N, C-alpha and C. Protein backbone atom coordinates (compact mmCIF):
# COMPACT_ATOMS: atom_id res chain seq x y z
N MET A 1 -14.77 5.12 23.82
CA MET A 1 -14.99 4.40 22.60
C MET A 1 -14.16 4.48 22.03
N LEU A 2 -12.90 5.59 22.49
CA LEU A 2 -12.03 5.96 21.10
C LEU A 2 -10.59 4.65 21.48
N LEU A 3 -10.82 4.56 22.62
CA LEU A 3 -9.82 3.36 23.57
C LEU A 3 -10.35 1.97 22.65
N ASP A 4 -11.60 1.89 23.07
CA ASP A 4 -12.26 0.47 22.06
C ASP A 4 -11.70 0.22 20.72
N TYR A 5 -11.99 1.19 20.23
CA TYR A 5 -11.81 1.14 18.62
C TYR A 5 -9.97 0.75 18.46
N LEU A 6 -9.09 1.46 19.11
CA LEU A 6 -7.86 1.31 18.91
C LEU A 6 -7.55 -0.22 19.34
N PHE A 7 -7.83 -0.64 20.46
CA PHE A 7 -7.65 -1.83 20.90
C PHE A 7 -8.55 -3.03 19.94
N ALA A 8 -9.18 -2.55 19.22
CA ALA A 8 -10.00 -4.07 18.54
C ALA A 8 -9.54 -3.52 17.20
N ASN A 9 -8.30 -2.44 16.43
CA ASN A 9 -8.20 -2.49 15.31
C ASN A 9 -6.77 -1.77 14.78
N THR A 10 -5.90 -2.28 16.28
CA THR A 10 -4.36 -1.78 16.10
C THR A 10 -3.93 -2.54 17.02
N GLY A 11 -2.61 -2.54 16.59
CA GLY A 11 -1.15 -3.55 16.98
C GLY A 11 -1.34 -4.84 16.88
N SER A 12 -2.08 -5.38 15.88
CA SER A 12 -2.00 -6.64 15.46
C SER A 12 -0.58 -7.10 14.52
N SER A 13 -0.31 -8.23 15.03
CA SER A 13 0.93 -8.46 13.89
C SER A 13 0.29 -9.01 12.70
N ASP A 14 -0.90 -9.08 12.35
CA ASP A 14 -1.64 -9.43 11.14
C ASP A 14 -1.78 -8.72 10.13
N THR A 15 -1.76 -7.21 10.32
CA THR A 15 -1.98 -6.16 9.43
C THR A 15 -0.75 -5.43 9.27
N GLU A 16 -0.83 -4.75 8.02
CA GLU A 16 0.43 -4.26 7.38
C GLU A 16 0.49 -2.93 8.26
N PRO A 17 1.83 -2.47 8.39
CA PRO A 17 2.21 -1.13 8.77
C PRO A 17 1.95 -0.11 7.66
N PHE A 18 1.29 1.07 7.98
CA PHE A 18 1.43 2.16 7.43
C PHE A 18 2.50 2.70 7.27
N PRO A 19 3.16 3.20 6.00
CA PRO A 19 4.13 4.24 5.52
C PRO A 19 4.05 5.33 6.44
N TYR A 20 5.28 6.19 6.76
CA TYR A 20 5.26 7.46 7.37
C TYR A 20 4.14 8.25 6.37
N GLN A 21 3.47 9.23 6.85
CA GLN A 21 3.00 9.95 6.44
C GLN A 21 2.65 11.16 6.74
N VAL A 22 2.35 12.28 5.97
CA VAL A 22 2.25 13.96 6.32
C VAL A 22 0.90 14.14 5.70
N ILE A 23 0.56 15.95 6.79
CA ILE A 23 -0.64 16.47 5.94
C ILE A 23 -0.14 16.89 5.21
N SER A 24 -0.94 16.89 3.77
CA SER A 24 -0.45 17.54 2.39
C SER A 24 -0.65 19.45 2.66
N GLY A 25 0.33 20.11 1.82
CA GLY A 25 -0.12 21.34 1.55
C GLY A 25 1.30 21.90 2.78
N SER A 26 0.80 23.23 2.59
CA SER A 26 1.84 24.06 3.20
C SER A 26 0.94 24.95 3.99
N GLY A 27 1.53 26.16 5.06
CA GLY A 27 0.44 26.41 6.43
C GLY A 27 -0.27 26.11 7.11
N SER A 28 -1.15 26.24 7.52
CA SER A 28 -2.08 25.39 8.44
C SER A 28 -3.32 25.41 8.04
N ASP A 29 -4.23 24.57 8.93
CA ASP A 29 -5.69 24.24 8.45
C ASP A 29 -6.30 23.48 10.04
N TRP A 30 -7.23 23.67 10.00
CA TRP A 30 -8.44 23.38 10.98
C TRP A 30 -8.75 21.85 11.02
N PHE A 31 -8.67 20.90 11.67
CA PHE A 31 -8.71 19.51 11.73
C PHE A 31 -9.55 19.25 13.17
N TYR A 32 -10.40 18.31 12.91
CA TYR A 32 -11.38 17.76 14.20
C TYR A 32 -10.33 17.21 15.03
N ASP A 33 -10.48 17.04 16.76
CA ASP A 33 -9.82 16.44 17.64
C ASP A 33 -11.07 15.79 18.30
N PRO A 34 -11.34 14.44 18.16
CA PRO A 34 -12.46 13.43 18.77
C PRO A 34 -12.25 13.41 19.81
N VAL A 35 -11.11 13.45 20.59
CA VAL A 35 -11.15 13.27 21.96
C VAL A 35 -11.59 14.97 22.73
N GLY A 36 -10.62 15.72 22.36
CA GLY A 36 -11.34 17.16 23.27
C GLY A 36 -12.67 17.35 22.21
N LYS A 37 -13.24 16.82 21.60
CA LYS A 37 -14.21 17.30 20.52
C LYS A 37 -14.06 18.65 20.07
N THR A 38 -13.02 19.34 19.39
CA THR A 38 -13.13 20.62 19.29
C THR A 38 -12.05 20.86 18.05
N MET A 39 -12.40 21.70 17.37
CA MET A 39 -11.57 21.79 16.04
C MET A 39 -10.07 22.70 16.66
N THR A 40 -8.83 21.85 16.09
CA THR A 40 -7.63 22.11 16.18
C THR A 40 -6.73 22.70 15.27
N GLU A 41 -6.35 23.80 15.30
CA GLU A 41 -5.05 24.37 13.93
C GLU A 41 -3.88 23.67 14.13
N ILE A 42 -3.29 22.71 12.95
CA ILE A 42 -2.37 22.03 12.61
C ILE A 42 -1.68 22.67 11.35
N PRO A 43 -0.02 22.57 11.75
CA PRO A 43 0.46 23.15 10.35
C PRO A 43 0.35 21.60 9.28
N ARG A 44 0.51 22.26 8.31
CA ARG A 44 0.53 21.37 7.30
C ARG A 44 2.06 20.81 7.15
N GLY A 45 2.05 19.67 6.70
CA GLY A 45 3.57 19.11 6.81
C GLY A 45 3.66 18.16 8.27
N THR A 46 2.62 18.22 8.71
CA THR A 46 2.91 17.61 10.24
C THR A 46 3.01 15.90 10.17
N GLU A 47 3.88 15.20 10.61
CA GLU A 47 4.34 13.86 10.44
C GLU A 47 3.05 13.40 11.11
N ILE A 48 1.91 12.50 10.35
CA ILE A 48 1.19 11.70 10.97
C ILE A 48 1.09 9.94 10.96
N VAL A 49 0.27 9.76 11.96
CA VAL A 49 0.21 7.53 11.68
C VAL A 49 -1.29 7.81 11.93
N GLN A 50 -1.57 7.06 10.67
CA GLN A 50 -2.80 6.62 10.34
C GLN A 50 -3.36 5.78 11.00
N ILE A 51 -4.48 5.83 11.89
CA ILE A 51 -4.92 4.86 13.03
C ILE A 51 -5.91 3.81 12.17
N SER A 52 -7.06 4.92 11.67
CA SER A 52 -8.21 3.87 11.01
C SER A 52 -8.21 3.68 9.53
N VAL A 53 -8.58 2.69 8.88
CA VAL A 53 -8.39 2.23 7.71
C VAL A 53 -9.54 2.86 6.80
N GLU A 54 -10.71 2.54 7.08
CA GLU A 54 -12.00 2.98 6.33
C GLU A 54 -12.38 4.53 6.96
N PRO A 55 -12.33 5.32 5.95
CA PRO A 55 -12.97 6.54 6.18
C PRO A 55 -14.11 6.72 6.80
N ASP A 56 -14.73 7.89 7.74
CA ASP A 56 -15.95 8.13 8.28
C ASP A 56 -17.04 8.61 7.01
N SER A 57 -18.65 8.84 7.50
CA SER A 57 -18.83 9.21 6.31
C SER A 57 -18.67 10.78 5.85
N LYS A 58 -17.64 11.44 6.57
CA LYS A 58 -17.37 13.11 5.58
C LYS A 58 -15.73 12.33 5.00
N GLY A 59 -15.51 11.19 4.44
CA GLY A 59 -14.16 10.92 4.49
C GLY A 59 -13.01 11.18 4.95
N ARG A 60 -13.23 11.31 6.37
CA ARG A 60 -12.07 11.46 7.27
C ARG A 60 -11.40 10.27 7.70
N VAL A 61 -10.18 10.31 8.12
CA VAL A 61 -9.80 9.08 8.76
C VAL A 61 -8.78 9.35 9.97
N LEU A 62 -8.79 8.39 11.19
CA LEU A 62 -8.27 8.67 12.45
C LEU A 62 -7.04 8.76 12.51
N VAL A 63 -6.27 9.70 12.60
CA VAL A 63 -4.72 9.87 12.52
C VAL A 63 -4.29 10.22 14.20
N ARG A 64 -2.82 10.15 14.14
CA ARG A 64 -2.46 10.15 15.76
C ARG A 64 -1.16 11.31 14.91
N ALA A 65 -1.08 12.59 15.70
CA ALA A 65 -0.56 13.46 15.48
C ALA A 65 0.45 13.75 16.59
N PRO A 66 1.57 14.69 16.65
CA PRO A 66 1.93 14.58 17.68
C PRO A 66 0.87 15.44 19.12
N PHE A 67 0.87 14.55 20.20
CA PHE A 67 -0.02 14.83 21.24
C PHE A 67 -1.42 14.68 21.13
N GLN A 68 -1.67 13.97 19.82
CA GLN A 68 -3.26 14.16 19.85
C GLN A 68 -3.70 13.41 18.89
N PHE A 69 -5.04 13.03 18.93
CA PHE A 69 -5.49 12.32 17.51
C PHE A 69 -6.43 13.53 16.85
N LEU A 70 -6.59 12.72 15.55
CA LEU A 70 -7.27 14.17 14.38
C LEU A 70 -7.95 13.12 13.32
N MET A 71 -9.04 13.86 13.06
CA MET A 71 -10.41 13.46 11.83
C MET A 71 -9.18 13.92 10.61
N VAL A 72 -8.86 13.49 9.75
CA VAL A 72 -8.33 14.24 8.74
C VAL A 72 -8.69 13.69 7.37
N PRO A 73 -9.14 14.22 6.54
CA PRO A 73 -9.72 13.55 5.10
C PRO A 73 -8.71 13.05 4.28
N GLU A 74 -8.89 11.93 4.48
CA GLU A 74 -8.09 10.85 3.62
C GLU A 74 -7.16 11.60 1.99
N LYS A 75 -8.01 12.51 1.57
CA LYS A 75 -7.22 12.80 0.22
C LYS A 75 -6.17 13.96 0.66
N GLU A 76 -5.90 14.13 2.17
CA GLU A 76 -5.10 15.51 2.71
C GLU A 76 -3.72 14.73 3.16
N ILE A 77 -3.93 13.15 2.98
CA ILE A 77 -2.67 12.56 3.45
C ILE A 77 -1.71 12.16 2.34
N VAL A 78 -0.30 12.24 2.46
CA VAL A 78 0.70 12.09 1.81
C VAL A 78 1.39 10.87 2.05
N ASP A 79 1.62 9.81 1.45
CA ASP A 79 2.65 9.17 2.10
C ASP A 79 3.85 9.05 1.43
N ILE A 80 4.85 9.22 2.69
CA ILE A 80 6.25 9.58 2.17
C ILE A 80 7.32 8.19 2.34
N GLY A 81 6.43 7.15 2.49
CA GLY A 81 7.17 5.95 2.55
C GLY A 81 7.80 5.36 3.72
N PHE A 82 8.82 4.18 3.94
CA PHE A 82 9.27 4.03 5.17
C PHE A 82 10.43 4.82 4.98
N ASN A 83 11.07 4.49 6.36
CA ASN A 83 12.28 5.36 6.32
C ASN A 83 13.32 4.08 6.54
């Protein structure tokens, strides 16, 4: 299911790339891992890549963090621009 979504909605030359992003704030917080179906503690300030454009019914978007996918509230994501 997740792979189907990724293949259908990413990797197209027709879409604009997302700028570099981080999870806002300091300290750490818990976010849902849709692959492992568990909550995972992640340090805030972690660089992420946003995968989904539209948030789910809870206001979260799918992101790729180092070594895992997470559902992060859209309001918790800070664009830091392009390198």
